Amino acid sequence: MLSIYTIGTSSLHRLHPLTKLTGALLLILATYLTNWPLVPVLVFAILLIIARIAGVAQRLTGTVLRLILPVTFSLFLIQGILFPPIGATPLPLGPITLTYEGLLFAYLIAARLLVLSTTILLVLFTTHPSDLVFALTERGLPRSVGYILLVSLQIVPDMTARATAILDVQRSRGLATDGALGRVRAIIPLIGPLVVGALVDVEERAMAIESRAYTASGPKTSLRVLADSIAQHRARTVMLLGIAALIIWRIATAIEIRIV
């Protein structure tokens, strides 16, 4: 099975998966629980620096932009022009009238989505799926849930690679895929082999699981060994305290606003 994991030897690659997950959760909550407009920008800059050090900045940036740009355009179009908030401050721009509150809301949502997607992808790019699932199952995650998570992390790149291989085979047999109409026509001969290949893959996985006594009770052994250290334990504790402080601060702020 394929994955979006990028092989590397950086310090981020070598971190324990739980350390990366805790740090990602802290950054995401810091972005969503604070209303300061510059926080998402600062967090995104930090993520880019970390990605640069890990050697995945170019791939990460390209993937994130492809995901976020359509959403960002629709947010600014809807909130800034078509459906602005009630009582918003108008900002005339030629024949178009924008609103300050609408643009600010669209910016906050888009920036938070940018941080969310960048953080998650950075963790997935620098963490092998098997290591991530193994770390979670070591902490009590049911093996069945871990298997579902592992398959979910690998299914998209695996299906993409299978579809590309099938399409190349169809082209070698004379299938025309030039132009928009040709690509639409290529979908029909692509669906059959793709679905059959996925079903065969499911059967092979089921046989592999049974041959390894996956459903048997009792303790399990694994060839994977994850390096963890006291420093990472302490770092996770500090980050968990930071997460708790953010949540408490947000709740206290909301209560204060209601009282006022």
C-alpha atoms as a PDB file:
ATOM      1  CA  MET A   1       0.000   0.000   0.000  1.00  0.00           C
ATOM      2  CA  LEU A   2       1.116   3.523  -0.775  1.00  0.00           C
ATOM      3  CA  SER A   3       0.899   6.554   1.503  1.00  0.00           C
ATOM      4  CA  ILE A   4       1.626  10.267   1.422  1.00  0.00           C
ATOM      5  CA  TYR A   5       4.529   9.740   3.814  1.00  0.00           C
ATOM      6  CA  THR A   6       7.793  11.263   2.602  1.00  0.00           C
ATOM      7  CA  ILE A   7      10.929   9.356   3.543  1.00  0.00           C
ATOM      8  CA  GLY A   8      13.375  11.488   5.471  1.00  0.00           C
ATOM      9  CA  THR A   9      15.850  11.614   8.346  1.00  0.00           C
ATOM     10  CA  SER A  10      15.057  15.048   9.742  1.00  0.00           C
ATOM     11  CA  SER A  11      14.471  15.704  13.438  1.00  0.00           C
ATOM     12  CA  LEU A  12      10.744  15.967  12.735  1.00  0.00           C
ATOM     13  CA  HIS A  13      10.723  12.547  11.063  1.00  0.00           C
ATOM     14  CA  ARG A  14      12.454  11.044  14.096  1.00  0.00           C
ATOM     15  CA  LEU A  15      10.017  12.447  16.648  1.00  0.00           C
ATOM     16  CA  HIS A  16       7.561  10.082  18.289  1.00  0.00           C
ATOM     17  CA  PRO A  17       4.150  10.201  16.542  1.00  0.00           C
ATOM     18  CA  LEU A  18       2.391  11.186  19.781  1.00  0.00           C
ATOM     19  CA  THR A  19       4.727  14.154  20.172  1.00  0.00           C
ATOM     20  CA  LYS A  20       3.821  15.353  16.697  1.00  0.00           C
ATOM     21  CA  LEU A  21       0.106  14.786  17.281  1.00  0.00           C
ATOM     22  CA  THR A  22       0.194  16.717  20.562  1.00  0.00           C
ATOM     23  CA  GLY A  23       2.055  19.613  18.963  1.00  0.00           C
ATOM     24  CA  ALA A  24      -0.371  19.635  16.035  1.00  0.00           C
ATOM     25  CA  LEU A  25      -3.346  19.722  18.403  1.00  0.00           C
ATOM     26  CA  LEU A  26      -1.801  22.619  20.319  1.00  0.00           C
ATOM     27  CA  LEU A  27      -1.242  24.678  17.161  1.00  0.00           C
ATOM     28  CA  ILE A  28      -4.731  23.970  15.828  1.00  0.00           C
ATOM     29  CA  LEU A  29      -6.410  24.907  19.107  1.00  0.00           C
ATOM     30  CA  ALA A  30      -4.294  28.041  19.386  1.00  0.00           C
ATOM     31  CA  THR A  31      -5.587  29.051  15.967  1.00  0.00           C
ATOM     32  CA  TYR A  32      -9.244  28.259  16.575  1.00  0.00           C
ATOM     33  CA  LEU A  33      -9.626  29.357  20.197  1.00  0.00           C
ATOM     34  CA  THR A  34      -8.099  32.809  19.745  1.00  0.00           C
ATOM     35  CA  ASN A  35      -9.742  35.598  17.786  1.00  0.00           C
ATOM     36  CA  TRP A  36      -6.571  37.564  17.059  1.00  0.00           C
ATOM     37  CA  PRO A  37      -6.263  37.893  13.259  1.00  0.00           C
ATOM     38  CA  LEU A  38      -2.476  37.520  13.220  1.00  0.00           C
ATOM     39  CA  VAL A  39      -2.362  34.198  15.107  1.00  0.00           C
ATOM     40  CA  PRO A  40      -3.119  32.015  12.024  1.00  0.00           C
ATOM     41  CA  VAL A  41      -0.443  33.844  10.043  1.00  0.00           C
ATOM     42  CA  LEU A  42       2.158  33.311  12.765  1.00  0.00           C
ATOM     43  CA  VAL A  43       1.242  29.634  13.168  1.00  0.00           C
ATOM     44  CA  PHE A  44       1.365  29.090   9.400  1.00  0.00           C
ATOM     45  CA  ALA A  45       4.806  30.737   9.262  1.00  0.00           C
ATOM     46  CA  ILE A  46       6.015  28.411  12.025  1.00  0.00           C
ATOM     47  CA  LEU A  47       4.657  25.412  10.130  1.00  0.00           C
ATOM     48  CA  LEU A  48       6.454  26.487   6.949  1.00  0.00           C
ATOM     49  CA  ILE A  49       9.736  26.828   8.832  1.00  0.00           C
ATOM     50  CA  ILE A  50       9.299  23.346  10.333  1.00  0.00           C
ATOM     51  CA  ALA A  51       8.389  21.928   6.907  1.00  0.00           C
ATOM     52  CA  ARG A  52      11.472  23.572   5.412  1.00  0.00           C
ATOM     53  CA  ILE A  53      13.681  21.966   8.030  1.00  0.00           C
ATOM     54  CA  ALA A  54      12.004  18.591   7.417  1.00  0.00           C
ATOM     55  CA  GLY A  55      12.489  18.898   3.647  1.00  0.00           C
ATOM     56  CA  VAL A  56       8.802  18.714   2.702  1.00  0.00           C
ATOM     57  CA  ALA A  57       8.020  22.415   2.286  1.00  0.00           C
ATOM     58  CA  GLN A  58       7.600  22.373  -1.499  1.00  0.00           C
ATOM     59  CA  ARG A  59       5.315  19.345  -1.579  1.00  0.00           C
ATOM     60  CA  LEU A  60       3.357  20.554   1.442  1.00  0.00           C
ATOM     61  CA  THR A  61       2.798  24.035   0.016  1.00  0.00           C
ATOM     62  CA  GLY A  62       1.625  22.696  -3.352  1.00  0.00           C
ATOM     63  CA  THR A  63      -0.815  20.247  -1.771  1.00  0.00           C
ATOM     64  CA  VAL A  64      -2.242  22.809   0.650  1.00  0.00           C
ATOM     65  CA  LEU A  65      -2.746  25.452  -2.020  1.00  0.00           C
ATOM     66  CA  ARG A  66      -4.612  23.025  -4.257  1.00  0.00           C
ATOM     67  CA  LEU A  67      -6.921  22.201  -1.361  1.00  0.00           C
ATOM     68  CA  ILE A  68      -7.457  25.674   0.090  1.00  0.00           C
ATOM     69  CA  LEU A  69      -7.551  28.071  -2.863  1.00  0.00           C
ATOM     70  CA  PRO A  70     -11.020  27.029  -4.157  1.00  0.00           C
ATOM     71  CA  VAL A  71     -12.456  27.206  -0.625  1.00  0.00           C
ATOM     72  CA  THR A  72     -10.818  30.579   0.011  1.00  0.00           C
ATOM     73  CA  PHE A  73     -12.186  32.038  -3.219  1.00  0.00           C
ATOM     74  CA  SER A  74     -15.714  30.898  -2.414  1.00  0.00           C
ATOM     75  CA  LEU A  75     -15.482  32.243   1.155  1.00  0.00           C
ATOM     76  CA  PHE A  76     -14.412  35.718   0.052  1.00  0.00           C
ATOM     77  CA  LEU A  77     -17.016  35.707  -2.701  1.00  0.00           C
ATOM     78  CA  ILE A  78     -19.879  34.680  -0.415  1.00  0.00           C
ATOM     79  CA  GLN A  79     -18.977  36.562   2.763  1.00  0.00           C
ATOM     80  CA  GLY A  80     -17.420  39.636   1.212  1.00  0.00           C
ATOM     81  CA  ILE A  81     -19.728  40.317  -1.729  1.00  0.00           C
ATOM     82  CA  LEU A  82     -22.838  38.169  -2.022  1.00  0.00           C
ATOM     83  CA  PHE A  83     -23.995  37.596   1.559  1.00  0.00           C
ATOM     84  CA  PRO A  84     -22.244  40.028   3.923  1.00  0.00           C
ATOM     85  CA  PRO A  85     -23.147  40.110   7.646  1.00  0.00           C
ATOM     86  CA  ILE A  86     -26.035  42.350   8.722  1.00  0.00           C
ATOM     87  CA  GLY A  87     -24.921  45.905   9.525  1.00  0.00           C
ATOM     88  CA  ALA A  88     -21.482  45.396   7.986  1.00  0.00           C
ATOM     89  CA  THR A  89     -19.237  48.338   7.151  1.00  0.00           C
ATOM     90  CA  PRO A  90     -19.269  48.889   3.365  1.00  0.00           C
ATOM     91  CA  LEU A  91     -15.990  49.164   1.456  1.00  0.00           C
ATOM     92  CA  PRO A  92     -16.777  50.425  -2.075  1.00  0.00           C
ATOM     93  CA  LEU A  93     -14.402  49.103  -4.724  1.00  0.00           C
ATOM     94  CA  GLY A  94     -15.556  50.429  -8.094  1.00  0.00           C
ATOM     95  CA  PRO A  95     -18.755  48.645  -9.115  1.00  0.00           C
ATOM     96  CA  ILE A  96     -18.312  46.132  -6.276  1.00  0.00           C
ATOM     97  CA  THR A  97     -19.152  46.861  -2.657  1.00  0.00           C
ATOM     98  CA  LEU A  98     -17.209  44.804  -0.137  1.00  0.00           C
ATOM     99  CA  THR A  99     -17.719  44.738   3.620  1.00  0.00           C
ATOM    100  CA  TYR A 100     -15.089  44.900   6.315  1.00  0.00           C
ATOM    101  CA  GLU A 101     -16.762  42.372   8.633  1.00  0.00           C
ATOM    102  CA  GLY A 102     -17.434  39.990   5.756  1.00  0.00           C
ATOM    103  CA  LEU A 103     -13.833  40.070   4.569  1.00  0.00           C
ATOM    104  CA  LEU A 104     -12.533  39.655   8.128  1.00  0.00           C
ATOM    105  CA  PHE A 105     -14.781  36.638   8.707  1.00  0.00           C
ATOM    106  CA  ALA A 106     -13.753  35.074   5.395  1.00  0.00           C
ATOM    107  CA  TYR A 107     -10.088  35.708   6.228  1.00  0.00           C
ATOM    108  CA  LEU A 108     -10.347  34.076   9.660  1.00  0.00           C
ATOM    109  CA  ILE A 109     -12.126  30.983   8.342  1.00  0.00           C
ATOM    110  CA  ALA A 110      -9.733  30.605   5.396  1.00  0.00           C
ATOM    111  CA  ALA A 111      -6.656  31.150   7.575  1.00  0.00           C
ATOM    112  CA  ARG A 112      -7.828  28.623  10.143  1.00  0.00           C
ATOM    113  CA  LEU A 113      -8.544  26.052   7.434  1.00  0.00           C
ATOM    114  CA  LEU A 114      -5.091  26.752   6.033  1.00  0.00           C
ATOM    115  CA  VAL A 115      -3.466  26.067   9.398  1.00  0.00           C
ATOM    116  CA  LEU A 116      -5.619  22.975   9.978  1.00  0.00           C
ATOM    117  CA  SER A 117      -4.812  21.380   6.619  1.00  0.00           C
ATOM    118  CA  THR A 118      -1.126  22.350   6.792  1.00  0.00           C
ATOM    119  CA  THR A 119      -0.713  20.920  10.289  1.00  0.00           C
ATOM    120  CA  ILE A 120      -2.408  17.624   9.476  1.00  0.00           C
ATOM    121  CA  LEU A 121      -0.524  17.174   6.210  1.00  0.00           C
ATOM    122  CA  LEU A 122       2.794  18.017   7.855  1.00  0.00           C
ATOM    123  CA  VAL A 123       2.226  15.261  10.401  1.00  0.00           C
ATOM    124  CA  LEU A 124       1.219  12.776   7.692  1.00  0.00           C
ATOM    125  CA  PHE A 125       4.138  13.717   5.433  1.00  0.00           C
ATOM    126  CA  THR A 126       6.667  13.086   8.209  1.00  0.00           C
ATOM    127  CA  THR A 127       5.063  10.108   9.992  1.00  0.00           C
ATOM    128  CA  HIS A 128       4.780   6.617   8.557  1.00  0.00           C
ATOM    129  CA  PRO A 129       1.156   5.442   8.831  1.00  0.00           C
ATOM    130  CA  SER A 130       2.199   2.199  10.517  1.00  0.00           C
ATOM    131  CA  ASP A 131       4.181   4.124  13.149  1.00  0.00           C
ATOM    132  CA  LEU A 132       1.240   6.433  13.788  1.00  0.00           C
ATOM    133  CA  VAL A 133      -1.245   3.588  14.230  1.00  0.00           C
ATOM    134  CA  PHE A 134       1.202   1.540  16.304  1.00  0.00           C
ATOM    135  CA  ALA A 135       1.778   4.480  18.655  1.00  0.00           C
ATOM    136  CA  LEU A 136      -1.973   4.922  19.127  1.00  0.00           C
ATOM    137  CA  THR A 137      -2.651   1.219  19.691  1.00  0.00           C
ATOM    138  CA  GLU A 138       0.152   1.169  22.276  1.00  0.00           C
ATOM    139  CA  ARG A 139      -1.833   3.802  24.189  1.00  0.00           C
ATOM    140  CA  GLY A 140      -5.030   1.762  24.189  1.00  0.00           C
ATOM    141  CA  LEU A 141      -6.617   2.381  20.794  1.00  0.00           C
ATOM    142  CA  PRO A 142      -8.523  -0.779  19.711  1.00  0.00           C
ATOM    143  CA  ARG A 143      -6.731  -2.716  16.994  1.00  0.00           C
ATOM    144  CA  SER A 144      -9.825  -2.698  14.790  1.00  0.00           C
ATOM    145  CA  VAL A 145      -9.999   1.095  14.939  1.00  0.00           C
ATOM    146  CA  GLY A 146      -6.265   1.290  14.267  1.00  0.00           C
ATOM    147  CA  TYR A 147      -6.647  -0.886  11.180  1.00  0.00           C
ATOM    148  CA  ILE A 148      -9.459   1.330   9.873  1.00  0.00           C
ATOM    149  CA  LEU A 149      -7.297   4.404  10.462  1.00  0.00           C
ATOM    150  CA  LEU A 150      -4.342   2.796   8.696  1.00  0.00           C
ATOM    151  CA  VAL A 151      -6.437   1.889   5.652  1.00  0.00           C
ATOM    152  CA  SER A 152      -7.946   5.388   5.579  1.00  0.00           C
ATOM    153  CA  LEU A 153      -4.499   6.972   5.496  1.00  0.00           C
ATOM    154  CA  GLN A 154      -3.378   4.750   2.623  1.00  0.00           C
ATOM    155  CA  ILE A 155      -6.488   4.382   0.482  1.00  0.00           C
ATOM    156  CA  VAL A 156      -6.338   7.719  -1.374  1.00  0.00           C
ATOM    157  CA  PRO A 157      -2.736   7.454  -2.687  1.00  0.00           C
ATOM    158  CA  ASP A 158      -3.237   3.740  -3.370  1.00  0.00           C
ATOM    159  CA  MET A 159      -6.407   4.320  -5.398  1.00  0.00           C
ATOM    160  CA  THR A 160      -4.738   7.201  -7.238  1.00  0.00           C
ATOM    161  CA  ALA A 161      -1.778   5.038  -8.196  1.00  0.00           C
ATOM    162  CA  ARG A 162      -4.074   2.198  -9.297  1.00  0.00           C
ATOM    163  CA  ALA A 163      -6.195   4.574 -11.400  1.00  0.00           C
ATOM    164  CA  THR A 164      -3.071   6.010 -13.045  1.00  0.00           C
ATOM    165  CA  ALA A 165      -1.772   2.528 -13.875  1.00  0.00           C
ATOM    166  CA  ILE A 166      -5.129   1.458 -15.336  1.00  0.00           C
ATOM    167  CA  LEU A 167      -5.350   4.637 -17.390  1.00  0.00           C
ATOM    168  CA  ASP A 168      -1.841   4.081 -18.787  1.00  0.00           C
ATOM    169  CA  VAL A 169      -2.805   0.538 -19.788  1.00  0.00           C
ATOM    170  CA  GLN A 170      -5.985   1.798 -21.475  1.00  0.00           C
ATOM    171  CA  ARG A 171      -3.994   4.423 -23.364  1.00  0.00           C
ATOM    172  CA  SER A 172      -1.524   1.807 -24.569  1.00  0.00           C
ATOM    173  CA  ARG A 173      -4.508  -0.044 -26.032  1.00  0.00           C
ATOM    174  CA  GLY A 174      -5.691   2.969 -27.987  1.00  0.00           C
ATOM    175  CA  LEU A 175      -7.994   4.773 -25.543  1.00  0.00           C
ATOM    176  CA  ALA A 176      -8.216   8.475 -26.481  1.00  0.00           C
ATOM    177  CA  THR A 177      -7.908  10.810 -23.486  1.00  0.00           C
ATOM    178  CA  ASP A 178      -7.100  14.076 -25.247  1.00  0.00           C
ATOM    179  CA  GLY A 179      -9.333  17.028 -24.450  1.00  0.00           C
ATOM    180  CA  ALA A 180     -12.154  17.395 -21.945  1.00  0.00           C
ATOM    181  CA  LEU A 181     -14.477  15.054 -23.854  1.00  0.00           C
ATOM    182  CA  GLY A 182     -11.799  12.377 -24.086  1.00  0.00           C
ATOM    183  CA  ARG A 183     -11.167  12.506 -20.348  1.00  0.00           C
ATOM    184  CA  VAL A 184     -14.881  12.154 -19.658  1.00  0.00           C
ATOM    185  CA  ARG A 185     -15.118   9.135 -21.947  1.00  0.00           C
ATOM    186  CA  ALA A 186     -12.102   7.569 -20.226  1.00  0.00           C
ATOM    187  CA  ILE A 187     -13.940   7.460 -16.900  1.00  0.00           C
ATOM    188  CA  ILE A 188     -16.274   4.624 -17.967  1.00  0.00           C
ATOM    189  CA  PRO A 189     -13.550   2.077 -18.916  1.00  0.00           C
ATOM    190  CA  LEU A 190     -11.633   3.150 -15.810  1.00  0.00           C
ATOM    191  CA  ILE A 191     -14.356   2.460 -13.242  1.00  0.00           C
ATOM    192  CA  GLY A 192     -14.669  -1.311 -13.844  1.00  0.00           C
ATOM    193  CA  PRO A 193     -11.008  -2.312 -13.362  1.00  0.00           C
ATOM    194  CA  LEU A 194     -10.662   0.161 -10.490  1.00  0.00           C
ATOM    195  CA  VAL A 195     -13.594  -1.320  -8.550  1.00  0.00           C
ATOM    196  CA  VAL A 196     -12.535  -4.910  -9.257  1.00  0.00           C
ATOM    197  CA  GLY A 197      -8.965  -4.134  -8.179  1.00  0.00           C
ATOM    198  CA  ALA A 198     -10.232  -2.574  -4.960  1.00  0.00           C
ATOM    199  CA  LEU A 199     -12.353  -5.642  -4.179  1.00  0.00           C
ATOM    200  CA  VAL A 200      -9.425  -7.973  -4.840  1.00  0.00           C
ATOM    201  CA  ASP A 201      -7.273  -5.816  -2.570  1.00  0.00           C
ATOM    202  CA  VAL A 202      -9.880  -6.089   0.204  1.00  0.00           C
ATOM    203  CA  GLU A 203      -9.875  -9.887  -0.100  1.00  0.00           C
ATOM    204  CA  GLU A 204      -6.086 -10.036   0.000  1.00  0.00           C
ATOM    205  CA  ARG A 205      -6.031  -7.822   3.083  1.00  0.00           C
ATOM    206  CA  ALA A 206      -8.582 -10.018   4.833  1.00  0.00           C
ATOM    207  CA  MET A 207      -6.501 -13.129   4.123  1.00  0.00           C
ATOM    208  CA  ALA A 208      -3.346 -11.391   5.345  1.00  0.00           C
ATOM    209  CA  ILE A 209      -5.081 -10.308   8.550  1.00  0.00           C
ATOM    210  CA  GLU A 210      -6.338 -13.809   9.286  1.00  0.00           C
ATOM    211  CA  SER A 211      -2.934 -15.369   8.554  1.00  0.00           C
ATOM    212  CA  ARG A 212      -1.393 -13.059  11.171  1.00  0.00           C
ATOM    213  CA  ALA A 213      -4.021 -13.901  13.818  1.00  0.00           C
ATOM    214  CA  TYR A 214      -5.146 -10.304  13.877  1.00  0.00           C
ATOM    215  CA  THR A 215      -8.467 -11.098  15.550  1.00  0.00           C
ATOM    216  CA  ALA A 216      -7.002 -13.494  18.117  1.00  0.00           C
ATOM    217  CA  SER A 217      -7.083 -12.478  21.750  1.00  0.00           C
ATOM    218  CA  GLY A 218      -3.996 -11.955  23.885  1.00  0.00           C
ATOM    219  CA  PRO A 219      -0.930  -9.722  23.678  1.00  0.00           C
ATOM    220  CA  LYS A 220       0.530  -8.865  20.281  1.00  0.00           C
ATOM    221  CA  THR A 221       4.121  -8.526  19.184  1.00  0.00           C
ATOM    222  CA  SER A 222       5.403  -6.128  16.579  1.00  0.00           C
ATOM    223  CA  LEU A 223       8.586  -5.651  14.599  1.00  0.00           C
ATOM    224  CA  ARG A 224       8.198  -1.867  14.829  1.00  0.00           C
ATOM    225  CA  VAL A 225      10.043  -0.088  17.632  1.00  0.00           C
ATOM    226  CA  LEU A 226       9.354   3.593  18.192  1.00  0.00           C
ATOM    227  CA  ALA A 227      12.056   5.692  19.788  1.00  0.00           C
ATOM    228  CA  ASP A 228      10.797   7.768  22.701  1.00  0.00           C
ATOM    229  CA  SER A 229      12.701   9.778  25.259  1.00  0.00           C
ATOM    230  CA  ILE A 230      12.206  11.533  28.572  1.00  0.00           C
ATOM    231  CA  ALA A 231      12.573  14.884  26.815  1.00  0.00           C
ATOM    232  CA  GLN A 232       9.664  14.045  24.501  1.00  0.00           C
ATOM    233  CA  HIS A 233       7.577  12.887  27.467  1.00  0.00           C
ATOM    234  CA  ARG A 234       8.187  16.212  29.167  1.00  0.00           C
ATOM    235  CA  ALA A 235       7.501  18.135  25.960  1.00  0.00           C
ATOM    236  CA  ARG A 236       4.155  16.356  25.553  1.00  0.00           C
ATOM    237  CA  THR A 237       3.278  17.170  29.155  1.00  0.00           C
ATOM    238  CA  VAL A 238       4.052  20.849  28.629  1.00  0.00           C
ATOM    239  CA  MET A 239       2.016  20.920  25.419  1.00  0.00           C
ATOM    240  CA  LEU A 240      -0.924  19.189  27.126  1.00  0.00           C
ATOM    241  CA  LEU A 241      -0.781  21.812  29.868  1.00  0.00           C
ATOM    242  CA  GLY A 242      -0.773  24.483  27.180  1.00  0.00           C
ATOM    243  CA  ILE A 243      -3.850  22.892  25.574  1.00  0.00           C
ATOM    244  CA  ALA A 244      -5.643  22.827  28.931  1.00  0.00           C
ATOM    245  CA  ALA A 245      -4.694  26.468  29.555  1.00  0.00           C
ATOM    246  CA  LEU A 246      -6.061  27.491  26.147  1.00  0.00           C
ATOM    247  CA  ILE A 247      -9.372  25.734  26.777  1.00  0.00           C
ATOM    248  CA  ILE A 248      -9.734  27.232  30.269  1.00  0.00           C
ATOM    249  CA  TRP A 249      -8.857  30.702  28.975  1.00  0.00           C
ATOM    250  CA  ARG A 250     -11.411  30.396  26.170  1.00  0.00           C
ATOM    251  CA  ILE A 251     -14.154  29.270  28.558  1.00  0.00           C
ATOM    252  CA  ALA A 252     -13.350  32.076  31.005  1.00  0.00           C
ATOM    253  CA  THR A 253     -13.395  34.626  28.185  1.00  0.00           C
ATOM    254  CA  ALA A 254     -16.777  33.389  26.946  1.00  0.00           C
ATOM    255  CA  ILE A 255     -18.230  33.570  30.475  1.00  0.00           C
ATOM    256  CA  GLU A 256     -16.882  37.096  30.936  1.00  0.00           C
ATOM    257  CA  ILE A 257     -18.405  38.228  27.648  1.00  0.00           C
ATOM    258  CA  ARG A 258     -21.807  36.826  28.623  1.00  0.00           C
ATOM    259  CA  ILE A 259     -21.683  38.546  31.994  1.00  0.00           C
ATOM    260  CA  VAL A 260     -20.816  41.888  30.433  1.00  0.00           C
END
